[in-house]
Amino acid sequence: MSERQTGPYDSVARKWLALAERRYAHFIELSDSGRWRHYFTRPKFDLELRRAELLRDQWARIAGILLEFDEAAEEPSVDRGAAA
């Protein structure tokens, strides 16, 4: 199979991916600290966490970056070498 070619908007997609990753990390921090209780009900927080994760995954696909499952961390890690 041929490798994905870089497009003119790849840098923009990577910036949106970085933003989505920061948002997802924020929700993880809220979950770990328990501060989510100040802002959300449990069902609403779970929904927003899933949305942040899906958005991150979608921007990774758009940017041409593969998400690999890191078994040690038990969450996907971004392989930035795939887009270069």
C-alpha atoms as a PDB file:
ATOM      1  CA  MET A   1       0.000   0.000   0.000  1.00  0.00           C
ATOM      2  CA  SER A   2       1.238   3.487  -0.688  1.00  0.00           C
ATOM      3  CA  GLU A   3       1.813   5.902   2.148  1.00  0.00           C
ATOM      4  CA  ARG A   4      -0.546   8.766   2.810  1.00  0.00           C
ATOM      5  CA  GLN A   5       0.554  11.967   1.129  1.00  0.00           C
ATOM      6  CA  THR A   6       0.711  15.156   3.120  1.00  0.00           C
ATOM      7  CA  GLY A   7      -1.908  17.704   2.240  1.00  0.00           C
ATOM      8  CA  PRO A   8      -1.981  21.475   2.505  1.00  0.00           C
ATOM      9  CA  TYR A   9      -4.199  21.343   5.591  1.00  0.00           C
ATOM     10  CA  ASP A  10      -2.275  18.752   7.615  1.00  0.00           C
ATOM     11  CA  SER A  11      -0.727  21.406   9.857  1.00  0.00           C
ATOM     12  CA  VAL A  12      -4.188  22.828  10.579  1.00  0.00           C
ATOM     13  CA  ALA A  13      -5.520  19.357  11.378  1.00  0.00           C
ATOM     14  CA  ARG A  14      -2.584  18.777  13.751  1.00  0.00           C
ATOM     15  CA  LYS A  15      -3.375  22.027  15.570  1.00  0.00           C
ATOM     16  CA  TRP A  16      -7.005  20.971  16.000  1.00  0.00           C
ATOM     17  CA  LEU A  17      -5.772  17.576  17.175  1.00  0.00           C
ATOM     18  CA  ALA A  18      -3.573  19.255  19.786  1.00  0.00           C
ATOM     19  CA  LEU A  19      -6.581  21.226  21.008  1.00  0.00           C
ATOM     20  CA  ALA A  20      -8.732  18.077  21.167  1.00  0.00           C
ATOM     21  CA  GLU A  21      -5.965  16.279  23.085  1.00  0.00           C
ATOM     22  CA  ARG A  22      -5.765  19.123  25.615  1.00  0.00           C
ATOM     23  CA  ARG A  23      -9.532  19.015  26.062  1.00  0.00           C
ATOM     24  CA  TYR A  24      -9.463  15.253  26.579  1.00  0.00           C
ATOM     25  CA  ALA A  25      -6.577  15.597  29.065  1.00  0.00           C
ATOM     26  CA  HIS A  26      -8.607  18.202  30.957  1.00  0.00           C
ATOM     27  CA  PHE A  27     -11.517  15.770  31.315  1.00  0.00           C
ATOM     28  CA  ILE A  28      -9.131  13.056  32.508  1.00  0.00           C
ATOM     29  CA  GLU A  29      -7.740  15.492  35.089  1.00  0.00           C
ATOM     30  CA  LEU A  30     -11.280  16.317  36.233  1.00  0.00           C
ATOM     31  CA  SER A  31     -11.973  12.600  36.551  1.00  0.00           C
ATOM     32  CA  ASP A  32      -8.783  11.862  38.479  1.00  0.00           C
ATOM     33  CA  SER A  33      -9.223  14.758  40.884  1.00  0.00           C
ATOM     34  CA  GLY A  34     -12.970  14.329  41.380  1.00  0.00           C
ATOM     35  CA  ARG A  35     -13.587  17.991  40.493  1.00  0.00           C
ATOM     36  CA  TRP A  36     -16.060  16.912  37.808  1.00  0.00           C
ATOM     37  CA  ARG A  37     -18.671  16.769  40.581  1.00  0.00           C
ATOM     38  CA  HIS A  38     -18.618  20.579  40.791  1.00  0.00           C
ATOM     39  CA  TYR A  39     -19.575  20.973  37.134  1.00  0.00           C
ATOM     40  CA  PHE A  40     -21.408  17.846  35.917  1.00  0.00           C
ATOM     41  CA  THR A  41     -23.721  15.067  36.910  1.00  0.00           C
ATOM     42  CA  ARG A  42     -22.222  11.592  36.388  1.00  0.00           C
ATOM     43  CA  PRO A  43     -24.155  10.822  33.161  1.00  0.00           C
ATOM     44  CA  LYS A  44     -23.371  14.253  31.684  1.00  0.00           C
ATOM     45  CA  PHE A  45     -19.684  13.953  32.591  1.00  0.00           C
ATOM     46  CA  ASP A  46     -19.439  10.471  31.059  1.00  0.00           C
ATOM     47  CA  LEU A  47     -21.070  11.772  27.884  1.00  0.00           C
ATOM     48  CA  GLU A  48     -18.692  14.738  27.633  1.00  0.00           C
ATOM     49  CA  LEU A  49     -15.678  12.500  28.299  1.00  0.00           C
ATOM     50  CA  ARG A  50     -16.741  10.148  25.482  1.00  0.00           C
ATOM     51  CA  ARG A  51     -17.311  13.111  23.161  1.00  0.00           C
ATOM     52  CA  ALA A  52     -13.840  14.489  23.919  1.00  0.00           C
ATOM     53  CA  GLU A  53     -12.309  11.087  23.231  1.00  0.00           C
ATOM     54  CA  LEU A  54     -14.199  10.664  19.957  1.00  0.00           C
ATOM     55  CA  LEU A  55     -13.230  14.150  18.808  1.00  0.00           C
ATOM     56  CA  ARG A  56      -9.591  13.442  19.589  1.00  0.00           C
ATOM     57  CA  ASP A  57      -9.742  10.203  17.603  1.00  0.00           C
ATOM     58  CA  GLN A  58     -11.473  11.898  14.659  1.00  0.00           C
ATOM     59  CA  TRP A  59      -8.885  14.677  14.461  1.00  0.00           C
ATOM     60  CA  ALA A  60      -6.100  12.101  14.664  1.00  0.00           C
ATOM     61  CA  ARG A  61      -7.586  10.306  11.652  1.00  0.00           C
ATOM     62  CA  ILE A  62      -8.022  13.577   9.754  1.00  0.00           C
ATOM     63  CA  ALA A  63      -4.419  14.532  10.502  1.00  0.00           C
ATOM     64  CA  GLY A  64      -3.274  11.098   9.349  1.00  0.00           C
ATOM     65  CA  ILE A  65      -1.920  10.147  12.752  1.00  0.00           C
ATOM     66  CA  LEU A  66      -2.389   6.615  13.994  1.00  0.00           C
ATOM     67  CA  LEU A  67      -3.594   6.031  17.520  1.00  0.00           C
ATOM     68  CA  GLU A  68      -1.862   3.026  19.030  1.00  0.00           C
ATOM     69  CA  PHE A  69      -3.033   1.308  22.184  1.00  0.00           C
ATOM     70  CA  ASP A  70      -0.387   1.555  24.879  1.00  0.00           C
ATOM     71  CA  GLU A  71      -1.001  -1.422  27.179  1.00  0.00           C
ATOM     72  CA  ALA A  72       1.115   0.004  30.006  1.00  0.00           C
ATOM     73  CA  ALA A  73      -0.865   3.256  30.121  1.00  0.00           C
ATOM     74  CA  GLU A  74      -4.161   1.509  29.287  1.00  0.00           C
ATOM     75  CA  GLU A  75      -5.165   4.307  26.937  1.00  0.00           C
ATOM     76  CA  PRO A  76      -4.383   5.144  23.326  1.00  0.00           C
ATOM     77  CA  SER A  77      -1.205   7.051  22.632  1.00  0.00           C
ATOM     78  CA  VAL A  78      -0.657   9.156  19.567  1.00  0.00           C
ATOM     79  CA  ASP A  79       2.013   7.967  17.127  1.00  0.00           C
ATOM     80  CA  ARG A  80       3.118  11.264  15.564  1.00  0.00           C
ATOM     81  CA  GLY A  81       5.715   9.551  13.391  1.00  0.00           C
ATOM     82  CA  ALA A  82       3.002   8.148  11.132  1.00  0.00           C
ATOM     83  CA  ALA A  83       2.134  11.581   9.745  1.00  0.00           C
ATOM     84  CA  ALA A  84       5.679  12.647   8.961  1.00  0.00           C
END
